[in-house]
C-alpha atoms as a PDB file:
ATOM      1  CA  UNK A   1       0.000   0.000   0.000  1.00  0.00           C
ATOM      2  CA  UNK A   2       1.285   3.462  -0.929  1.00  0.00           C
ATOM      3  CA  UNK A   3      -0.182   6.362   1.023  1.00  0.00           C
ATOM      4  CA  UNK A   4       0.023   9.931  -0.202  1.00  0.00           C
ATOM      5  CA  UNK A   5       1.449  12.650   1.988  1.00  0.00           C
ATOM      6  CA  UNK A   6       2.258  16.340   1.595  1.00  0.00           C
ATOM      7  CA  UNK A   7       5.897  17.304   1.220  1.00  0.00           C
ATOM      8  CA  UNK A   8       5.606  18.925   4.661  1.00  0.00           C
ATOM      9  CA  UNK A   9       2.863  18.367   7.215  1.00  0.00           C
ATOM     10  CA  UNK A  10       3.826  21.560   9.059  1.00  0.00           C
ATOM     11  CA  UNK A  11       6.228  24.461   8.699  1.00  0.00           C
ATOM     12  CA  UNK A  12       7.951  23.613  11.990  1.00  0.00           C
ATOM     13  CA  UNK A  13      10.386  20.692  11.633  1.00  0.00           C
ATOM     14  CA  UNK A  14       9.432  19.125  14.972  1.00  0.00           C
ATOM     15  CA  UNK A  15       5.705  19.336  14.202  1.00  0.00           C
ATOM     16  CA  UNK A  16       6.357  17.922  10.737  1.00  0.00           C
ATOM     17  CA  UNK A  17       8.203  14.948  12.197  1.00  0.00           C
ATOM     18  CA  UNK A  18       5.516  14.373  14.844  1.00  0.00           C
ATOM     19  CA  UNK A  19       2.750  14.358  12.242  1.00  0.00           C
ATOM     20  CA  UNK A  20       4.555  11.769  10.155  1.00  0.00           C
ATOM     21  CA  UNK A  21       5.178   9.603  13.224  1.00  0.00           C
ATOM     22  CA  UNK A  22       1.457   9.739  13.985  1.00  0.00           C
ATOM     23  CA  UNK A  23       0.628   8.688  10.425  1.00  0.00           C
ATOM     24  CA  UNK A  24       2.963   5.710  10.779  1.00  0.00           C
ATOM     25  CA  UNK A  25       1.459   4.848  14.161  1.00  0.00           C
ATOM     26  CA  UNK A  26      -2.065   5.001  12.720  1.00  0.00           C
ATOM     27  CA  UNK A  27      -1.079   2.581   9.969  1.00  0.00           C
ATOM     28  CA  UNK A  28       0.369   0.226  12.557  1.00  0.00           C
ATOM     29  CA  UNK A  29      -2.798   0.384  14.664  1.00  0.00           C
ATOM     30  CA  UNK A  30      -4.846  -0.388  11.552  1.00  0.00           C
ATOM     31  CA  UNK A  31      -2.526  -3.350  10.884  1.00  0.00           C
ATOM     32  CA  UNK A  32      -1.831  -2.224   7.326  1.00  0.00           C
ATOM     33  CA  UNK A  33       0.959  -4.379   5.857  1.00  0.00           C
ATOM     34  CA  UNK A  34       3.893  -3.128   3.778  1.00  0.00           C
ATOM     35  CA  UNK A  35       2.988   0.553   3.899  1.00  0.00           C
ATOM     36  CA  UNK A  36       5.137   3.165   2.196  1.00  0.00           C
ATOM     37  CA  UNK A  37       4.533   6.894   1.838  1.00  0.00           C
ATOM     38  CA  UNK A  38       4.923   9.042  -1.249  1.00  0.00           C
ATOM     39  CA  UNK A  39       4.733  12.811  -1.653  1.00  0.00           C
ATOM     40  CA  UNK A  40       1.518  13.601  -3.479  1.00  0.00           C
ATOM     41  CA  UNK A  41       3.022  15.828  -6.210  1.00  0.00           C
ATOM     42  CA  UNK A  42       5.501  13.038  -6.957  1.00  0.00           C
ATOM     43  CA  UNK A  43       2.576  10.651  -7.346  1.00  0.00           C
ATOM     44  CA  UNK A  44       0.974  13.052  -9.825  1.00  0.00           C
ATOM     45  CA  UNK A  45       4.290  13.211 -11.690  1.00  0.00           C
ATOM     46  CA  UNK A  46       4.304   9.392 -11.924  1.00  0.00           C
ATOM     47  CA  UNK A  47       0.811   9.418 -13.398  1.00  0.00           C
ATOM     48  CA  UNK A  48       1.959  11.830 -16.103  1.00  0.00           C
ATOM     49  CA  UNK A  49       5.270  10.035 -16.706  1.00  0.00           C
ATOM     50  CA  UNK A  50       3.484   6.734 -17.335  1.00  0.00           C
ATOM     51  CA  UNK A  51       2.203   8.200 -20.603  1.00  0.00           C
ATOM     52  CA  UNK A  52       5.087  10.510 -21.529  1.00  0.00           C
ATOM     53  CA  UNK A  53       6.621   9.856 -24.937  1.00  0.00           C
ATOM     54  CA  UNK A  54       9.696  12.080 -24.889  1.00  0.00           C
ATOM     55  CA  UNK A  55      12.552  13.409 -22.789  1.00  0.00           C
ATOM     56  CA  UNK A  56      11.399  16.349 -20.682  1.00  0.00           C
ATOM     57  CA  UNK A  57      11.436  18.218 -17.393  1.00  0.00           C
ATOM     58  CA  UNK A  58       8.079  18.496 -15.638  1.00  0.00           C
ATOM     59  CA  UNK A  59       6.957  20.540 -12.657  1.00  0.00           C
ATOM     60  CA  UNK A  60       3.886  19.389 -10.737  1.00  0.00           C
ATOM     61  CA  UNK A  61       1.891  22.134  -9.035  1.00  0.00           C
ATOM     62  CA  UNK A  62      -0.310  20.264  -6.538  1.00  0.00           C
ATOM     63  CA  UNK A  63      -2.573  22.775  -4.823  1.00  0.00           C
ATOM     64  CA  UNK A  64      -5.268  21.308  -2.596  1.00  0.00           C
ATOM     65  CA  UNK A  65      -7.187  22.238   0.514  1.00  0.00           C
ATOM     66  CA  UNK A  66      -4.314  22.062   2.984  1.00  0.00           C
ATOM     67  CA  UNK A  67      -0.974  22.592   1.257  1.00  0.00           C
ATOM     68  CA  UNK A  68       0.782  23.627  -1.937  1.00  0.00           C
ATOM     69  CA  UNK A  69       3.314  20.985  -2.988  1.00  0.00           C
ATOM     70  CA  UNK A  70       5.784  20.924  -5.872  1.00  0.00           C
ATOM     71  CA  UNK A  71       7.787  18.155  -7.534  1.00  0.00           C
ATOM     72  CA  UNK A  72      10.276  18.625 -10.362  1.00  0.00           C
ATOM     73  CA  UNK A  73      11.006  15.452 -12.348  1.00  0.00           C
ATOM     74  CA  UNK A  74      13.242  14.611 -15.284  1.00  0.00           C
ATOM     75  CA  UNK A  75      12.038  11.964 -17.749  1.00  0.00           C
ATOM     76  CA  UNK A  76      14.803  10.729 -20.043  1.00  0.00           C
ATOM     77  CA  UNK A  77      14.551   9.329 -23.554  1.00  0.00           C
ATOM     78  CA  UNK A  78      14.151   5.787 -22.152  1.00  0.00           C
ATOM     79  CA  UNK A  79      11.332   6.731 -19.795  1.00  0.00           C
ATOM     80  CA  UNK A  80      13.539   6.691 -16.699  1.00  0.00           C
ATOM     81  CA  UNK A  81      12.357   9.112 -14.034  1.00  0.00           C
ATOM     82  CA  UNK A  82      14.508  11.190 -11.693  1.00  0.00           C
ATOM     83  CA  UNK A  83      13.118  13.395  -8.927  1.00  0.00           C
ATOM     84  CA  UNK A  84      15.184  16.591  -8.975  1.00  0.00           C
ATOM     85  CA  UNK A  85      13.451  18.515  -6.183  1.00  0.00           C
ATOM     86  CA  UNK A  86      10.367  18.700  -3.980  1.00  0.00           C
ATOM     87  CA  UNK A  87       9.055  21.535  -1.854  1.00  0.00           C
ATOM     88  CA  UNK A  88       5.902  22.552  -0.064  1.00  0.00           C
ATOM     89  CA  UNK A  89       4.308  25.411   1.838  1.00  0.00           C
ATOM     90  CA  UNK A  90       1.390  25.591   4.278  1.00  0.00           C
ATOM     91  CA  UNK A  91      -0.914  27.421   1.883  1.00  0.00           C
ATOM     92  CA  UNK A  92      -4.078  25.703   0.667  1.00  0.00           C
ATOM     93  CA  UNK A  93      -7.700  26.305  -0.093  1.00  0.00           C
ATOM     94  CA  UNK A  94      -8.576  26.431   3.616  1.00  0.00           C
ATOM     95  CA  UNK A  95      -6.187  29.355   4.128  1.00  0.00           C
ATOM     96  CA  UNK A  96      -7.757  31.216   1.208  1.00  0.00           C
ATOM     97  CA  UNK A  97     -11.207  30.733   2.785  1.00  0.00           C
ATOM     98  CA  UNK A  98      -9.848  32.267   5.985  1.00  0.00           C
ATOM     99  CA  UNK A  99      -8.660  35.315   4.029  1.00  0.00           C
ATOM    100  CA  UNK A 100     -12.226  35.964   2.868  1.00  0.00           C
ATOM    101  CA  UNK A 101     -13.708  35.566   6.344  1.00  0.00           C
ATOM    102  CA  UNK A 102     -11.153  37.755   8.104  1.00  0.00           C
ATOM    103  CA  UNK A 103     -10.773  40.242   5.279  1.00  0.00           C
ATOM    104  CA  UNK A 104     -14.434  40.877   4.417  1.00  0.00           C
ATOM    105  CA  UNK A 105     -16.931  39.283   6.797  1.00  0.00           C
ATOM    106  CA  UNK A 106     -16.029  40.473  10.299  1.00  0.00           C
ATOM    107  CA  UNK A 107     -18.212  43.619  10.015  1.00  0.00           C
ATOM    108  CA  UNK A 108     -21.228  41.301   9.626  1.00  0.00           C
ATOM    109  CA  UNK A 109     -20.374  39.871  13.080  1.00  0.00           C
ATOM    110  CA  UNK A 110     -19.722  43.033  15.052  1.00  0.00           C
ATOM    111  CA  UNK A 111     -16.330  44.364  14.009  1.00  0.00           C
ATOM    112  CA  UNK A 112     -16.227  48.089  14.746  1.00  0.00           C
ATOM    113  CA  UNK A 113     -18.985  47.994  17.349  1.00  0.00           C
ATOM    114  CA  UNK A 114     -18.720  50.387  20.302  1.00  0.00           C
ATOM    115  CA  UNK A 115     -19.885  49.194  23.726  1.00  0.00           C
ATOM    116  CA  UNK A 116     -21.076  50.707  26.968  1.00  0.00           C
ATOM    117  CA  UNK A 117     -21.223  54.318  28.133  1.00  0.00           C
ATOM    118  CA  UNK A 118     -17.555  54.877  27.259  1.00  0.00           C
ATOM    119  CA  UNK A 119     -18.092  53.445  23.737  1.00  0.00           C
ATOM    120  CA  UNK A 120     -15.185  51.057  24.007  1.00  0.00           C
ATOM    121  CA  UNK A 121     -14.431  48.948  20.912  1.00  0.00           C
ATOM    122  CA  UNK A 122     -15.768  45.419  20.824  1.00  0.00           C
ATOM    123  CA  UNK A 123     -12.751  43.181  21.673  1.00  0.00           C
ATOM    124  CA  UNK A 124     -11.054  42.098  18.464  1.00  0.00           C
ATOM    125  CA  UNK A 125      -9.613  39.008  20.158  1.00  0.00           C
ATOM    126  CA  UNK A 126     -13.152  37.584  20.225  1.00  0.00           C
ATOM    127  CA  UNK A 127     -13.531  37.924  16.456  1.00  0.00           C
ATOM    128  CA  UNK A 128     -10.089  36.404  15.876  1.00  0.00           C
ATOM    129  CA  UNK A 129     -11.688  33.041  16.688  1.00  0.00           C
ATOM    130  CA  UNK A 130     -13.540  33.270  13.371  1.00  0.00           C
ATOM    131  CA  UNK A 131     -10.219  32.631  11.610  1.00  0.00           C
ATOM    132  CA  UNK A 132     -11.018  28.921  11.497  1.00  0.00           C
ATOM    133  CA  UNK A 133     -14.346  27.128  11.652  1.00  0.00           C
ATOM    134  CA  UNK A 134     -12.943  24.695  14.235  1.00  0.00           C
ATOM    135  CA  UNK A 135     -12.027  27.522  16.656  1.00  0.00           C
ATOM    136  CA  UNK A 136     -15.412  29.260  16.531  1.00  0.00           C
ATOM    137  CA  UNK A 137     -16.615  26.683  19.071  1.00  0.00           C
ATOM    138  CA  UNK A 138     -14.162  28.229  21.581  1.00  0.00           C
ATOM    139  CA  UNK A 139     -16.526  31.190  21.809  1.00  0.00           C
ATOM    140  CA  UNK A 140     -19.085  29.019  23.624  1.00  0.00           C
ATOM    141  CA  UNK A 141     -17.024  29.565  26.782  1.00  0.00           C
ATOM    142  CA  UNK A 142     -19.026  31.696  29.275  1.00  0.00           C
ATOM    143  CA  UNK A 143     -16.449  34.493  29.346  1.00  0.00           C
ATOM    144  CA  UNK A 144     -16.852  35.031  25.607  1.00  0.00           C
ATOM    145  CA  UNK A 145     -20.633  34.663  25.619  1.00  0.00           C
ATOM    146  CA  UNK A 146     -20.820  37.297  28.366  1.00  0.00           C
ATOM    147  CA  UNK A 147     -18.858  39.737  26.200  1.00  0.00           C
ATOM    148  CA  UNK A 148     -21.125  39.068  23.219  1.00  0.00           C
ATOM    149  CA  UNK A 149     -24.286  39.461  25.315  1.00  0.00           C
ATOM    150  CA  UNK A 150     -22.960  42.729  26.783  1.00  0.00           C
ATOM    151  CA  UNK A 151     -22.291  43.956  23.260  1.00  0.00           C
ATOM    152  CA  UNK A 152     -25.837  43.121  22.186  1.00  0.00           C
ATOM    153  CA  UNK A 153     -27.230  45.013  25.161  1.00  0.00           C
ATOM    154  CA  UNK A 154     -24.987  48.103  25.067  1.00  0.00           C
ATOM    155  CA  UNK A 155     -23.356  48.488  21.649  1.00  0.00           C
ATOM    156  CA  UNK A 156     -24.275  50.413  18.528  1.00  0.00           C
ATOM    157  CA  UNK A 157     -24.349  47.197  16.454  1.00  0.00           C
ATOM    158  CA  UNK A 158     -26.688  44.813  18.265  1.00  0.00           C
ATOM    159  CA  UNK A 159     -27.924  43.158  15.049  1.00  0.00           C
ATOM    160  CA  UNK A 160     -24.417  42.152  13.991  1.00  0.00           C
ATOM    161  CA  UNK A 161     -23.579  40.873  17.464  1.00  0.00           C
ATOM    162  CA  UNK A 162     -26.790  38.860  17.542  1.00  0.00           C
ATOM    163  CA  UNK A 163     -25.517  37.281  14.322  1.00  0.00           C
ATOM    164  CA  UNK A 164     -22.259  36.471  16.109  1.00  0.00           C
ATOM    165  CA  UNK A 165     -24.150  34.926  19.022  1.00  0.00           C
ATOM    166  CA  UNK A 166     -26.205  32.849  16.598  1.00  0.00           C
ATOM    167  CA  UNK A 167     -23.036  31.737  14.783  1.00  0.00           C
ATOM    168  CA  UNK A 168     -21.579  30.555  18.086  1.00  0.00           C
ATOM    169  CA  UNK A 169     -24.563  29.179  19.987  1.00  0.00           C
ATOM    170  CA  UNK A 170     -26.146  27.400  17.011  1.00  0.00           C
ATOM    171  CA  UNK A 171     -22.845  26.014  15.756  1.00  0.00           C
ATOM    172  CA  UNK A 172     -22.975  27.627  12.314  1.00  0.00           C
ATOM    173  CA  UNK A 173     -19.194  27.820  11.892  1.00  0.00           C
ATOM    174  CA  UNK A 174     -18.974  25.003   9.360  1.00  0.00           C
ATOM    175  CA  UNK A 175     -21.919  26.262   7.242  1.00  0.00           C
ATOM    176  CA  UNK A 176     -20.253  29.693   7.187  1.00  0.00           C
ATOM    177  CA  UNK A 177     -17.013  28.268   5.843  1.00  0.00           C
ATOM    178  CA  UNK A 178     -18.879  26.072   3.361  1.00  0.00           C
ATOM    179  CA  UNK A 179     -20.594  29.184   2.001  1.00  0.00           C
ATOM    180  CA  UNK A 180     -17.240  30.955   1.777  1.00  0.00           C
ATOM    181  CA  UNK A 181     -15.697  28.011  -0.052  1.00  0.00           C
ATOM    182  CA  UNK A 182     -18.574  28.061  -2.537  1.00  0.00           C
ATOM    183  CA  UNK A 183     -17.997  31.759  -3.191  1.00  0.00           C
ATOM    184  CA  UNK A 184     -14.277  31.171  -3.689  1.00  0.00           C
ATOM    185  CA  UNK A 185     -14.979  28.418  -6.224  1.00  0.00           C
ATOM    186  CA  UNK A 186     -17.451  30.664  -8.058  1.00  0.00           C
ATOM    187  CA  UNK A 187     -14.774  33.344  -8.387  1.00  0.00           C
ATOM    188  CA  UNK A 188     -12.713  30.971 -10.521  1.00  0.00           C
ATOM    189  CA  UNK A 189     -15.469  31.156 -13.145  1.00  0.00           C
ATOM    190  CA  UNK A 190     -16.919  34.630 -12.626  1.00  0.00           C
ATOM    191  CA  UNK A 191     -15.541  38.119 -12.103  1.00  0.00           C
ATOM    192  CA  UNK A 192     -17.710  38.515  -8.997  1.00  0.00           C
ATOM    193  CA  UNK A 193     -20.066  36.481  -6.854  1.00  0.00           C
ATOM    194  CA  UNK A 194     -22.541  36.991  -4.027  1.00  0.00           C
ATOM    195  CA  UNK A 195     -21.836  35.266  -0.735  1.00  0.00           C
ATOM    196  CA  UNK A 196     -25.050  34.664   1.177  1.00  0.00           C
ATOM    197  CA  UNK A 197     -25.838  33.056   4.509  1.00  0.00           C
ATOM    198  CA  UNK A 198     -29.256  33.293   6.154  1.00  0.00           C
ATOM    199  CA  UNK A 199     -29.416  31.123   9.264  1.00  0.00           C
ATOM    200  CA  UNK A 200     -30.773  31.997  12.679  1.00  0.00           C
ATOM    201  CA  UNK A 201     -29.966  35.678  13.300  1.00  0.00           C
ATOM    202  CA  UNK A 202     -27.380  35.676  10.515  1.00  0.00           C
ATOM    203  CA  UNK A 203     -28.455  37.648   7.459  1.00  0.00           C
ATOM    204  CA  UNK A 204     -25.249  37.970   5.468  1.00  0.00           C
ATOM    205  CA  UNK A 205     -25.007  39.088   1.860  1.00  0.00           C
ATOM    206  CA  UNK A 206     -21.698  40.275   0.403  1.00  0.00           C
ATOM    207  CA  UNK A 207     -20.894  40.889  -3.258  1.00  0.00           C
ATOM    208  CA  UNK A 208     -17.254  39.869  -3.708  1.00  0.00           C
ATOM    209  CA  UNK A 209     -15.308  40.939  -6.805  1.00  0.00           C
ATOM    210  CA  UNK A 210     -12.479  38.703  -7.944  1.00  0.00           C
ATOM    211  CA  UNK A 211      -9.994  41.549  -7.770  1.00  0.00           C
ATOM    212  CA  UNK A 212     -10.613  41.948  -4.029  1.00  0.00           C
ATOM    213  CA  UNK A 213     -10.212  38.228  -3.421  1.00  0.00           C
ATOM    214  CA  UNK A 214      -6.887  38.465  -5.249  1.00  0.00           C
ATOM    215  CA  UNK A 215      -5.919  41.390  -3.036  1.00  0.00           C
ATOM    216  CA  UNK A 216      -6.673  39.375   0.103  1.00  0.00           C
ATOM    217  CA  UNK A 217      -4.594  36.386  -1.027  1.00  0.00           C
ATOM    218  CA  UNK A 218      -1.619  38.467  -2.188  1.00  0.00           C
ATOM    219  CA  UNK A 219       0.698  37.221   0.631  1.00  0.00           C
ATOM    220  CA  UNK A 220      -0.236  33.626  -0.200  1.00  0.00           C
ATOM    221  CA  UNK A 221       0.533  34.118  -3.892  1.00  0.00           C
ATOM    222  CA  UNK A 222       3.980  35.421  -2.952  1.00  0.00           C
ATOM    223  CA  UNK A 223       4.573  32.487  -0.579  1.00  0.00           C
ATOM    224  CA  UNK A 224       3.644  29.998  -3.298  1.00  0.00           C
ATOM    225  CA  UNK A 225       5.883  31.722  -5.851  1.00  0.00           C
ATOM    226  CA  UNK A 226       8.785  31.600  -3.380  1.00  0.00           C
ATOM    227  CA  UNK A 227       8.169  27.880  -2.806  1.00  0.00           C
ATOM    228  CA  UNK A 228       8.418  27.229  -6.556  1.00  0.00           C
ATOM    229  CA  UNK A 229      11.559  29.353  -6.862  1.00  0.00           C
ATOM    230  CA  UNK A 230      13.218  27.358  -4.059  1.00  0.00           C
ATOM    231  CA  UNK A 231      12.367  24.092  -5.797  1.00  0.00           C
ATOM    232  CA  UNK A 232      13.764  25.404  -9.084  1.00  0.00           C
ATOM    233  CA  UNK A 233      16.972  26.427  -7.338  1.00  0.00           C
ATOM    234  CA  UNK A 234      17.300  23.002  -5.684  1.00  0.00           C
ATOM    235  CA  UNK A 235      16.800  21.335  -9.079  1.00  0.00           C
ATOM    236  CA  UNK A 236      19.388  23.703 -10.619  1.00  0.00           C
ATOM    237  CA  UNK A 237      17.014  24.604 -13.444  1.00  0.00           C
ATOM    238  CA  UNK A 238      15.740  27.811 -14.982  1.00  0.00           C
ATOM    239  CA  UNK A 239      12.071  28.278 -15.892  1.00  0.00           C
ATOM    240  CA  UNK A 240      13.039  27.934 -19.553  1.00  0.00           C
ATOM    241  CA  UNK A 241      14.225  24.367 -18.847  1.00  0.00           C
ATOM    242  CA  UNK A 242      10.757  23.263 -17.657  1.00  0.00           C
ATOM    243  CA  UNK A 243       8.814  21.701 -20.530  1.00  0.00           C
ATOM    244  CA  UNK A 244       5.482  21.009 -18.812  1.00  0.00           C
ATOM    245  CA  UNK A 245       3.775  22.476 -15.741  1.00  0.00           C
ATOM    246  CA  UNK A 246       1.076  20.125 -14.458  1.00  0.00           C
ATOM    247  CA  UNK A 247      -1.684  21.633 -12.355  1.00  0.00           C
ATOM    248  CA  UNK A 248      -3.609  19.329 -10.046  1.00  0.00           C
ATOM    249  CA  UNK A 249      -5.770  19.835  -6.959  1.00  0.00           C
ATOM    250  CA  UNK A 250      -8.900  21.962  -6.769  1.00  0.00           C
ATOM    251  CA  UNK A 251      -7.105  25.173  -5.787  1.00  0.00           C
ATOM    252  CA  UNK A 252      -4.884  24.945  -8.882  1.00  0.00           C
ATOM    253  CA  UNK A 253      -7.841  26.306 -10.874  1.00  0.00           C
ATOM    254  CA  UNK A 254      -7.824  29.677  -9.109  1.00  0.00           C
ATOM    255  CA  UNK A 255      -7.110  32.253 -11.844  1.00  0.00           C
ATOM    256  CA  UNK A 256      -4.558  34.236  -9.824  1.00  0.00           C
ATOM    257  CA  UNK A 257      -2.344  31.158  -9.436  1.00  0.00           C
ATOM    258  CA  UNK A 258      -2.810  30.143 -13.066  1.00  0.00           C
ATOM    259  CA  UNK A 259      -1.672  33.633 -14.018  1.00  0.00           C
ATOM    260  CA  UNK A 260       1.325  33.364 -11.687  1.00  0.00           C
ATOM    261  CA  UNK A 261       2.418  30.099 -13.340  1.00  0.00           C
ATOM    262  CA  UNK A 262       1.906  31.601 -16.794  1.00  0.00           C
ATOM    263  CA  UNK A 263       4.107  34.544 -15.860  1.00  0.00           C
ATOM    264  CA  UNK A 264       6.830  32.232 -14.530  1.00  0.00           C
ATOM    265  CA  UNK A 265       6.853  29.538 -17.208  1.00  0.00           C
ATOM    266  CA  UNK A 266       4.662  30.636 -20.118  1.00  0.00           C
ATOM    267  CA  UNK A 267       0.996  29.821 -20.619  1.00  0.00           C
ATOM    268  CA  UNK A 268       1.777  27.315 -23.376  1.00  0.00           C
ATOM    269  CA  UNK A 269       3.509  25.000 -20.870  1.00  0.00           C
ATOM    270  CA  UNK A 270       0.564  24.697 -18.493  1.00  0.00           C
ATOM    271  CA  UNK A 271      -1.508  21.514 -18.479  1.00  0.00           C
ATOM    272  CA  UNK A 272      -4.313  20.540 -16.131  1.00  0.00           C
ATOM    273  CA  UNK A 273      -4.413  16.975 -14.859  1.00  0.00           C
ATOM    274  CA  UNK A 274      -7.610  15.532 -13.477  1.00  0.00           C
ATOM    275  CA  UNK A 275      -7.570  17.791 -10.453  1.00  0.00           C
ATOM    276  CA  UNK A 276      -9.224  15.328  -8.086  1.00  0.00           C
ATOM    277  CA  UNK A 277      -7.781  11.958  -9.144  1.00  0.00           C
ATOM    278  CA  UNK A 278      -4.338  12.696 -10.602  1.00  0.00           C
ATOM    279  CA  UNK A 279      -2.574  12.039  -7.310  1.00  0.00           C
ATOM    280  CA  UNK A 280      -4.552   8.846  -6.621  1.00  0.00           C
ATOM    281  CA  UNK A 281      -3.674   7.513 -10.086  1.00  0.00           C
ATOM    282  CA  UNK A 282       0.004   8.048  -9.387  1.00  0.00           C
ATOM    283  CA  UNK A 283      -0.228   6.350  -5.997  1.00  0.00           C
ATOM    284  CA  UNK A 284      -1.793   3.324  -7.687  1.00  0.00           C
ATOM    285  CA  UNK A 285       1.077   3.223 -10.205  1.00  0.00           C
ATOM    286  CA  UNK A 286       3.619   3.437  -7.382  1.00  0.00           C
ATOM    287  CA  UNK A 287       1.869   0.623  -5.484  1.00  0.00           C
ATOM    288  CA  UNK A 288       1.902  -1.582  -8.587  1.00  0.00           C
ATOM    289  CA  UNK A 289       5.589  -0.930  -9.169  1.00  0.00           C
ATOM    290  CA  UNK A 290       6.368  -1.800  -5.548  1.00  0.00           C
ATOM    291  CA  UNK A 291       4.353  -4.984  -5.938  1.00  0.00           C
ATOM    292  CA  UNK A 292       6.225  -6.027  -9.062  1.00  0.00           C
ATOM    293  CA  UNK A 293       9.575  -5.286  -7.420  1.00  0.00           C
END
C-alpha cells in the first residue's frame, strides 16, 4: 500500500516529524501491511510520466485544501524518471477561505462595534476566533458569551452581534465556511459572486469581486511563488528548462495562481491533470511498481 502525503505536514520541523510519526502509528494500529509513503506531487508526476513519450522536465503544481506541494522530475529518452526537487508550503484552499472571512466578513459579526457608556471597541480578540471554523466553538465559553451578550445590550451594532451569538450558539461555523468556499470556487469562473448566509440571526449578503479576493490572497501568492523558486533552485534549473507544468488539486484552478504560473513559465507549458484523481492515479502506479519489485 502506498499512502500519499504532503511534502511537509507543518512548517515547523518538529511538528512535521511528529505528524509523520502519527501517520505511521495510525497505519500500525490499523494493521496495514507493507505501507510506504509518497509525496503527493511526486505521485501526480508518476501518473503523467506513465504516458510521456519524450525526454522532458516536468513541474507538478499540486494545490489542494491544505498545502501547496511541488515536484520537479526529469524523464529521459528511455522513460527513466529522476526526482530533482520537492518543496511545499502551508498554503491551501482552507487558508484562502480564511482570508475571505477575516478580510471581508467580520463587520457582519460586530467588528467596529462600540460598547457601553464609554463606547469602548468590541474586543477584536473575540472575532479572531472566526479565523477557522474549528475555533469558533471556543466562543461558547461563558467568558466570551458574556462579552457578546454585553455587546448586544450596550453596543451600537446589536444586530451584527446577535448574528455572532447565533453563529456561536447554534454552531454555524462550518456552514459559514462552506458558504465561503462556494464563493471562492465561483470566483474561478466569474468576475464577482454573491456570498449569502441566512441562518438563525445571521443575514449575510456580500458581493465579492475577484480583484478583491486576489488582493486578500496576495501574501499567499507570494509564498507559493517563493516555494516554486526554491524548488527550481534546488533542481538547478531555470524556468526555460521546464517543458510542462502540471496543475492538479482543486485550488490549482484559481485564476490568480494560473496567471502566476503563466508569468513564470509561459501559458503554453501549463496543463491541467484531473484535479481530483491525478494524485490517486500516481499512488496506484507506485503501489503496482512496488508490488512487481
